[in-house]
Amino acid sequence: MKARIGIALIVALLAGGFAWAAFAPLQASSRDQLFEIPKGTWERRMKGDKTSVLPERITLTLGVRDVLLLRNNDTVPQVFGPVLIMPGQDFRLPFAQLGEHPFDCTAHASGTMTVVVDPAPAAGLARLKWRLDSLLNRNG
């Protein structure tokens, strides 16, 4: 009998947690999504290293995490779109429109990076999936 009550309590707590995750409003302590360009990126690039230090595609969520924050920890300036980011400098770029936004980027071997801005997920399964994906794919 006690085991059944314990199991029922655990199931109820899990169901309550999933319901909260599916329907609670989305909030973030900061709307910034940080990506750092590590020291030595340019030097490795000049030696022929094709390893990407930033993702080719960055996905942001409008109204929740919709400000791209690039931090240049390298010893040389880096170009992102029309902006020159000096060593030690941060660059914030807020997004207000959904869609795919391509940028030239010297931190990439390909020379380009795409920022994808998705809508905030609707309450229900979409929001639950978004929260789970955010937990599993933390990058900032």
N, C-alpha and C. Protein backbone atom coordinates (compact mmCIF):
# COMPACT_ATOMS: atom_id res chain seq x y z
N MET A 1 0.82 -1.19 0.00
CA MET A 1 0.00 0.00 0.00
C MET A 1 0.87 1.26 0.00
N LYS A 2 1.89 1.29 0.89
CA LYS A 2 2.77 2.46 0.95
C LYS A 2 3.55 2.63 -0.35
N ALA A 3 3.92 1.53 -0.97
CA ALA A 3 4.66 1.59 -2.24
C ALA A 3 3.79 2.22 -3.33
N ARG A 4 2.51 1.86 -3.36
CA ARG A 4 1.60 2.43 -4.36
C ARG A 4 1.42 3.93 -4.14
N ILE A 5 1.32 4.34 -2.90
CA ILE A 5 1.18 5.77 -2.59
C ILE A 5 2.45 6.51 -3.02
N GLY A 6 3.60 5.92 -2.74
CA GLY A 6 4.87 6.53 -3.14
C GLY A 6 4.99 6.66 -4.65
N ILE A 7 4.61 5.62 -5.36
CA ILE A 7 4.66 5.66 -6.83
C ILE A 7 3.68 6.69 -7.36
N ALA A 8 2.47 6.72 -6.79
CA ALA A 8 1.47 7.70 -7.23
C ALA A 8 1.97 9.12 -6.98
N LEU A 9 2.63 9.34 -5.86
CA LEU A 9 3.17 10.66 -5.54
C LEU A 9 4.26 11.06 -6.54
N ILE A 10 5.13 10.13 -6.88
CA ILE A 10 6.19 10.41 -7.85
C ILE A 10 5.60 10.72 -9.22
N VAL A 11 4.60 9.94 -9.64
CA VAL A 11 3.94 10.17 -10.93
C VAL A 11 3.26 11.54 -10.93
N ALA A 12 2.59 11.88 -9.84
CA ALA A 12 1.92 13.19 -9.75
C ALA A 12 2.94 14.33 -9.81
N LEU A 13 4.05 14.19 -9.14
CA LEU A 13 5.09 15.23 -9.18
C LEU A 13 5.67 15.37 -10.58
N LEU A 14 5.94 14.26 -11.24
CA LEU A 14 6.45 14.32 -12.61
C LEU A 14 5.44 14.96 -13.56
N ALA A 15 4.19 14.57 -13.43
CA ALA A 15 3.14 15.15 -14.28
C ALA A 15 3.02 16.64 -14.03
N GLY A 16 3.09 17.06 -12.78
CA GLY A 16 3.04 18.49 -12.45
C GLY A 16 4.22 19.24 -13.03
N GLY A 17 5.39 18.64 -12.97
CA GLY A 17 6.58 19.27 -13.55
C GLY A 17 6.47 19.43 -15.05
N PHE A 18 5.99 18.40 -15.73
CA PHE A 18 5.82 18.50 -17.18
C PHE A 18 4.74 19.51 -17.54
N ALA A 19 3.66 19.56 -16.76
CA ALA A 19 2.60 20.53 -17.03
C ALA A 19 3.14 21.96 -16.86
N TRP A 20 3.93 22.18 -15.82
CA TRP A 20 4.52 23.51 -15.61
C TRP A 20 5.40 23.87 -16.81
N ALA A 21 6.27 22.94 -17.22
CA ALA A 21 7.19 23.21 -18.33
C ALA A 21 6.45 23.48 -19.63
N ALA A 22 5.28 22.89 -19.79
CA ALA A 22 4.53 23.05 -21.04
C ALA A 22 3.72 24.35 -21.07
N PHE A 23 3.34 24.87 -19.90
CA PHE A 23 2.41 26.01 -19.90
C PHE A 23 2.93 27.27 -19.21
N ALA A 24 3.97 27.19 -18.41
CA ALA A 24 4.49 28.39 -17.74
C ALA A 24 5.10 29.33 -18.77
N PRO A 25 4.95 30.64 -18.57
CA PRO A 25 5.54 31.61 -19.51
C PRO A 25 7.06 31.45 -19.60
N LEU A 26 7.60 31.75 -20.78
CA LEU A 26 9.05 31.69 -20.98
C LEU A 26 9.67 32.97 -20.44
N GLN A 27 10.73 32.81 -19.67
CA GLN A 27 11.46 33.94 -19.14
C GLN A 27 12.94 33.59 -19.17
N ALA A 28 13.76 34.62 -19.27
CA ALA A 28 15.20 34.42 -19.22
C ALA A 28 15.81 35.56 -18.41
N SER A 29 16.85 35.24 -17.65
CA SER A 29 17.51 36.27 -16.86
C SER A 29 18.19 37.29 -17.77
N SER A 30 18.58 36.85 -18.95
CA SER A 30 19.19 37.72 -19.95
C SER A 30 18.72 37.25 -21.31
N ARG A 31 18.57 38.19 -22.22
CA ARG A 31 18.18 37.80 -23.58
C ARG A 31 19.41 37.54 -24.44
N ASP A 32 20.60 37.69 -23.87
CA ASP A 32 21.85 37.45 -24.60
C ASP A 32 22.11 35.96 -24.77
N GLN A 33 22.57 35.59 -25.95
CA GLN A 33 23.08 34.25 -26.22
C GLN A 33 24.56 34.43 -26.54
N LEU A 34 25.43 34.04 -25.63
CA LEU A 34 26.87 34.30 -25.73
C LEU A 34 27.59 33.24 -26.55
N PHE A 35 28.46 33.73 -27.45
CA PHE A 35 29.40 32.89 -28.19
C PHE A 35 30.75 33.56 -28.14
N GLU A 36 31.79 32.81 -27.81
CA GLU A 36 33.12 33.37 -27.65
C GLU A 36 34.07 32.90 -28.76
N ILE A 37 34.85 33.85 -29.26
CA ILE A 37 35.91 33.54 -30.22
C ILE A 37 37.17 33.34 -29.40
N PRO A 38 37.69 32.12 -29.32
CA PRO A 38 38.82 31.85 -28.44
C PRO A 38 40.13 32.47 -28.92
N LYS A 39 41.00 32.70 -27.96
CA LYS A 39 42.34 33.20 -28.26
C LYS A 39 43.05 32.19 -29.17
N GLY A 40 43.75 32.72 -30.18
CA GLY A 40 44.49 31.88 -31.11
C GLY A 40 43.70 31.45 -32.34
N THR A 41 42.46 31.90 -32.47
CA THR A 41 41.63 31.51 -33.61
C THR A 41 42.27 31.93 -34.93
N TRP A 42 42.68 33.18 -35.02
CA TRP A 42 43.27 33.69 -36.26
C TRP A 42 44.57 32.96 -36.57
N GLU A 43 45.39 32.73 -35.56
CA GLU A 43 46.66 32.04 -35.75
C GLU A 43 46.44 30.61 -36.28
N ARG A 44 45.47 29.90 -35.71
CA ARG A 44 45.16 28.55 -36.20
C ARG A 44 44.65 28.60 -37.63
N ARG A 45 43.84 29.61 -37.96
CA ARG A 45 43.31 29.77 -39.31
C ARG A 45 44.46 29.98 -40.30
N MET A 46 45.45 30.79 -39.94
CA MET A 46 46.59 31.08 -40.82
C MET A 46 47.47 29.84 -41.03
N LYS A 47 47.43 28.91 -40.09
CA LYS A 47 48.19 27.67 -40.22
C LYS A 47 47.42 26.60 -40.99
N GLY A 48 46.19 26.96 -41.45
CA GLY A 48 45.42 26.03 -42.27
C GLY A 48 44.39 25.21 -41.50
N ASP A 49 44.23 25.46 -40.21
CA ASP A 49 43.25 24.74 -39.41
C ASP A 49 41.84 25.15 -39.85
N LYS A 50 41.02 24.20 -40.25
CA LYS A 50 39.67 24.49 -40.73
C LYS A 50 38.60 24.26 -39.65
N THR A 51 39.03 23.98 -38.41
CA THR A 51 38.09 23.74 -37.33
C THR A 51 37.28 24.99 -37.03
N SER A 52 35.97 24.84 -36.92
CA SER A 52 35.10 25.97 -36.59
C SER A 52 35.11 26.20 -35.09
N VAL A 53 35.23 27.45 -34.70
CA VAL A 53 35.20 27.80 -33.28
C VAL A 53 33.82 28.29 -32.87
N LEU A 54 33.00 28.60 -33.84
CA LEU A 54 31.61 29.00 -33.62
C LEU A 54 30.73 28.11 -34.49
N PRO A 55 29.49 27.88 -34.08
CA PRO A 55 28.60 27.08 -34.94
C PRO A 55 28.34 27.78 -36.26
N GLU A 56 28.10 27.00 -37.31
CA GLU A 56 27.76 27.56 -38.62
C GLU A 56 26.38 28.23 -38.58
N ARG A 57 25.50 27.67 -37.74
CA ARG A 57 24.14 28.21 -37.57
C ARG A 57 23.90 28.41 -36.08
N ILE A 58 23.44 29.58 -35.74
CA ILE A 58 23.06 29.88 -34.36
C ILE A 58 21.56 30.12 -34.37
N THR A 59 20.85 29.45 -33.46
CA THR A 59 19.41 29.61 -33.38
C THR A 59 19.05 30.41 -32.15
N LEU A 60 18.32 31.50 -32.35
CA LEU A 60 17.82 32.34 -31.28
C LEU A 60 16.30 32.23 -31.24
N THR A 61 15.71 32.62 -30.11
CA THR A 61 14.26 32.58 -29.95
C THR A 61 13.75 33.98 -29.68
N LEU A 62 12.90 34.46 -30.56
CA LEU A 62 12.38 35.82 -30.47
C LEU A 62 11.64 36.03 -29.15
N GLY A 63 11.99 37.11 -28.46
CA GLY A 63 11.33 37.45 -27.21
C GLY A 63 11.86 36.75 -25.99
N VAL A 64 12.75 35.78 -26.17
CA VAL A 64 13.28 35.03 -25.03
C VAL A 64 14.80 35.14 -25.00
N ARG A 65 15.44 34.65 -26.02
CA ARG A 65 16.90 34.68 -26.15
C ARG A 65 17.17 35.15 -27.56
N ASP A 66 17.06 36.50 -27.78
CA ASP A 66 17.10 37.04 -29.13
C ASP A 66 18.19 38.08 -29.36
N VAL A 67 19.21 38.08 -28.49
CA VAL A 67 20.35 38.99 -28.66
C VAL A 67 21.61 38.15 -28.80
N LEU A 68 22.25 38.24 -29.96
CA LEU A 68 23.51 37.54 -30.18
C LEU A 68 24.61 38.35 -29.52
N LEU A 69 25.39 37.72 -28.67
CA LEU A 69 26.52 38.36 -28.00
C LEU A 69 27.78 37.63 -28.43
N LEU A 70 28.62 38.32 -29.19
CA LEU A 70 29.91 37.76 -29.60
C LEU A 70 31.01 38.40 -28.75
N ARG A 71 31.87 37.56 -28.20
CA ARG A 71 32.99 38.04 -27.39
C ARG A 71 34.28 37.60 -28.08
N ASN A 72 35.12 38.59 -28.45
CA ASN A 72 36.37 38.30 -29.14
C ASN A 72 37.50 38.16 -28.11
N ASN A 73 37.84 36.92 -27.79
CA ASN A 73 38.97 36.64 -26.88
C ASN A 73 40.27 36.45 -27.65
N ASP A 74 40.22 36.60 -28.97
CA ASP A 74 41.42 36.44 -29.79
C ASP A 74 42.30 37.68 -29.66
N THR A 75 43.50 37.60 -30.19
CA THR A 75 44.46 38.71 -30.11
C THR A 75 44.40 39.62 -31.33
N VAL A 76 43.54 39.29 -32.29
CA VAL A 76 43.38 40.11 -33.49
C VAL A 76 41.91 40.46 -33.66
N PRO A 77 41.61 41.55 -34.37
CA PRO A 77 40.20 41.88 -34.64
C PRO A 77 39.54 40.80 -35.48
N GLN A 78 38.24 40.64 -35.28
CA GLN A 78 37.44 39.71 -36.07
C GLN A 78 36.30 40.50 -36.71
N VAL A 79 35.91 40.08 -37.92
CA VAL A 79 34.84 40.76 -38.64
C VAL A 79 33.58 39.90 -38.54
N PHE A 80 32.47 40.55 -38.18
CA PHE A 80 31.16 39.91 -38.19
C PHE A 80 30.22 40.85 -38.91
N GLY A 81 29.80 40.45 -40.12
CA GLY A 81 28.99 41.35 -40.94
C GLY A 81 29.80 42.61 -41.22
N PRO A 82 29.23 43.78 -41.03
CA PRO A 82 29.96 45.03 -41.28
C PRO A 82 30.74 45.53 -40.07
N VAL A 83 30.80 44.73 -38.99
CA VAL A 83 31.37 45.19 -37.72
C VAL A 83 32.75 44.57 -37.49
N LEU A 84 33.67 45.40 -37.05
CA LEU A 84 35.00 44.95 -36.64
C LEU A 84 34.99 44.83 -35.13
N ILE A 85 35.19 43.61 -34.62
CA ILE A 85 35.19 43.37 -33.18
C ILE A 85 36.65 43.28 -32.73
N MET A 86 37.06 44.24 -31.96
CA MET A 86 38.45 44.32 -31.52
C MET A 86 38.73 43.26 -30.45
N PRO A 87 40.01 42.90 -30.24
CA PRO A 87 40.36 41.94 -29.19
C PRO A 87 39.82 42.41 -27.83
N GLY A 88 39.20 41.48 -27.11
CA GLY A 88 38.65 41.80 -25.80
C GLY A 88 37.31 42.50 -25.84
N GLN A 89 36.78 42.77 -27.03
CA GLN A 89 35.53 43.52 -27.16
C GLN A 89 34.34 42.57 -27.29
N ASP A 90 33.19 43.01 -26.77
CA ASP A 90 31.91 42.32 -26.95
C ASP A 90 31.11 43.06 -28.00
N PHE A 91 30.32 42.33 -28.75
CA PHE A 91 29.40 42.92 -29.72
C PHE A 91 28.04 42.29 -29.53
N ARG A 92 27.03 43.10 -29.27
CA ARG A 92 25.65 42.64 -29.10
C ARG A 92 24.83 43.03 -30.32
N LEU A 93 24.09 42.06 -30.83
CA LEU A 93 23.22 42.31 -31.97
C LEU A 93 21.83 41.76 -31.65
N PRO A 94 20.85 42.67 -31.35
CA PRO A 94 19.50 42.21 -31.08
C PRO A 94 18.75 41.90 -32.38
N PHE A 95 17.88 40.92 -32.34
CA PHE A 95 17.07 40.55 -33.50
C PHE A 95 15.60 40.76 -33.16
N ALA A 96 14.87 41.37 -34.09
CA ALA A 96 13.45 41.64 -33.91
C ALA A 96 12.61 40.99 -35.01
N GLN A 97 13.25 40.32 -35.96
CA GLN A 97 12.52 39.69 -37.07
C GLN A 97 12.88 38.22 -37.15
N LEU A 98 11.85 37.41 -37.40
CA LEU A 98 12.05 35.98 -37.60
C LEU A 98 12.77 35.74 -38.92
N GLY A 99 13.44 34.62 -39.03
CA GLY A 99 14.04 34.24 -40.30
C GLY A 99 15.50 33.86 -40.18
N GLU A 100 16.12 33.68 -41.34
CA GLU A 100 17.54 33.34 -41.43
C GLU A 100 18.30 34.58 -41.84
N HIS A 101 19.35 34.88 -41.11
CA HIS A 101 20.14 36.08 -41.33
C HIS A 101 21.61 35.67 -41.54
N PRO A 102 22.10 35.69 -42.80
CA PRO A 102 23.50 35.31 -43.06
C PRO A 102 24.45 36.49 -42.81
N PHE A 103 25.64 36.18 -42.29
CA PHE A 103 26.66 37.19 -42.02
C PHE A 103 28.02 36.67 -42.45
N ASP A 104 28.86 37.57 -42.94
CA ASP A 104 30.27 37.24 -43.13
C ASP A 104 30.88 37.15 -41.73
N CYS A 105 31.81 36.21 -41.54
CA CYS A 105 32.40 36.03 -40.22
C CYS A 105 33.80 35.45 -40.36
N THR A 106 34.82 36.21 -39.97
CA THR A 106 36.20 35.75 -40.11
C THR A 106 36.57 34.65 -39.12
N ALA A 107 35.75 34.40 -38.12
CA ALA A 107 36.03 33.32 -37.16
C ALA A 107 35.67 31.95 -37.72
N HIS A 108 35.02 31.91 -38.89
CA HIS A 108 34.63 30.65 -39.52
C HIS A 108 35.55 30.31 -40.67
N ALA A 109 35.83 29.03 -40.81
CA ALA A 109 36.63 28.57 -41.93
C ALA A 109 35.90 28.87 -43.25
N SER A 110 34.57 28.76 -43.23
CA SER A 110 33.79 29.03 -44.44
C SER A 110 33.65 30.53 -44.71
N GLY A 111 33.89 31.34 -43.69
CA GLY A 111 33.76 32.79 -43.84
C GLY A 111 32.36 33.32 -43.64
N THR A 112 31.40 32.43 -43.33
CA THR A 112 30.03 32.88 -43.12
C THR A 112 29.41 32.18 -41.91
N MET A 113 28.38 32.81 -41.37
CA MET A 113 27.60 32.24 -40.28
C MET A 113 26.15 32.69 -40.48
N THR A 114 25.21 31.83 -40.15
CA THR A 114 23.80 32.16 -40.28
C THR A 114 23.16 32.19 -38.89
N VAL A 115 22.43 33.27 -38.62
CA VAL A 115 21.67 33.37 -37.38
C VAL A 115 20.21 33.13 -37.74
N VAL A 116 19.62 32.11 -37.12
CA VAL A 116 18.22 31.76 -37.34
C VAL A 116 17.43 32.25 -36.13
N VAL A 117 16.39 33.03 -36.39
CA VAL A 117 15.54 33.53 -35.31
C VAL A 117 14.18 32.87 -35.44
N ASP A 118 13.87 32.04 -34.45
CA ASP A 118 12.60 31.30 -34.42
C ASP A 118 11.60 32.03 -33.53
N PRO A 119 10.31 31.79 -33.74
CA PRO A 119 9.31 32.37 -32.84
C PRO A 119 9.35 31.67 -31.49
N ALA A 120 8.88 32.37 -30.46
CA ALA A 120 8.75 31.72 -29.15
C ALA A 120 7.72 30.61 -29.28
N PRO A 121 7.97 29.47 -28.65
CA PRO A 121 7.04 28.35 -28.80
C PRO A 121 5.72 28.61 -28.07
N ALA A 122 4.65 28.13 -28.66
CA ALA A 122 3.33 28.25 -28.06
C ALA A 122 3.24 27.33 -26.84
N ALA A 123 2.32 27.66 -25.94
CA ALA A 123 2.11 26.83 -24.75
C ALA A 123 1.69 25.43 -25.17
N GLY A 124 2.12 24.46 -24.40
CA GLY A 124 1.78 23.06 -24.67
C GLY A 124 3.02 22.26 -25.04
N LEU A 125 2.84 21.30 -25.92
CA LEU A 125 3.94 20.41 -26.29
C LEU A 125 5.11 21.14 -26.94
N ALA A 126 4.82 22.17 -27.73
CA ALA A 126 5.90 22.92 -28.38
C ALA A 126 6.80 23.58 -27.33
N ARG A 127 6.20 24.16 -26.30
CA ARG A 127 6.99 24.81 -25.24
C ARG A 127 7.74 23.78 -24.41
N LEU A 128 7.12 22.65 -24.13
CA LEU A 128 7.80 21.58 -23.40
C LEU A 128 9.01 21.09 -24.19
N LYS A 129 8.83 20.86 -25.49
CA LYS A 129 9.96 20.43 -26.34
C LYS A 129 11.05 21.48 -26.36
N TRP A 130 10.69 22.77 -26.47
CA TRP A 130 11.68 23.85 -26.50
C TRP A 130 12.48 23.86 -25.21
N ARG A 131 11.80 23.71 -24.07
CA ARG A 131 12.51 23.71 -22.78
C ARG A 131 13.46 22.52 -22.68
N LEU A 132 13.00 21.35 -23.11
CA LEU A 132 13.87 20.17 -23.07
C LEU A 132 15.07 20.35 -24.00
N ASP A 133 14.84 20.86 -25.21
CA ASP A 133 15.95 21.11 -26.14
C ASP A 133 16.93 22.12 -25.55
N SER A 134 16.41 23.15 -24.90
CA SER A 134 17.28 24.16 -24.29
C SER A 134 18.15 23.56 -23.19
N LEU A 135 17.58 22.67 -22.41
CA LEU A 135 18.35 22.02 -21.35
C LEU A 135 19.43 21.11 -21.92
N LEU A 136 19.10 20.39 -22.99
CA LEU A 136 20.04 19.42 -23.56
C LEU A 136 21.09 20.06 -24.44
N ASN A 137 20.80 21.23 -25.02
CA ASN A 137 21.72 21.87 -25.95
C ASN A 137 22.21 23.22 -25.45
N ARG A 138 22.54 23.30 -24.19
CA ARG A 138 23.02 24.58 -23.63
C ARG A 138 24.29 25.00 -24.34
N ASN A 139 24.29 26.28 -24.78
CA ASN A 139 25.51 26.84 -25.39
C ASN A 139 25.62 28.32 -25.02
N GLY A 140 25.21 28.65 -23.88
CA GLY A 140 25.38 30.01 -23.47
C GLY A 140 24.69 30.40 -22.26
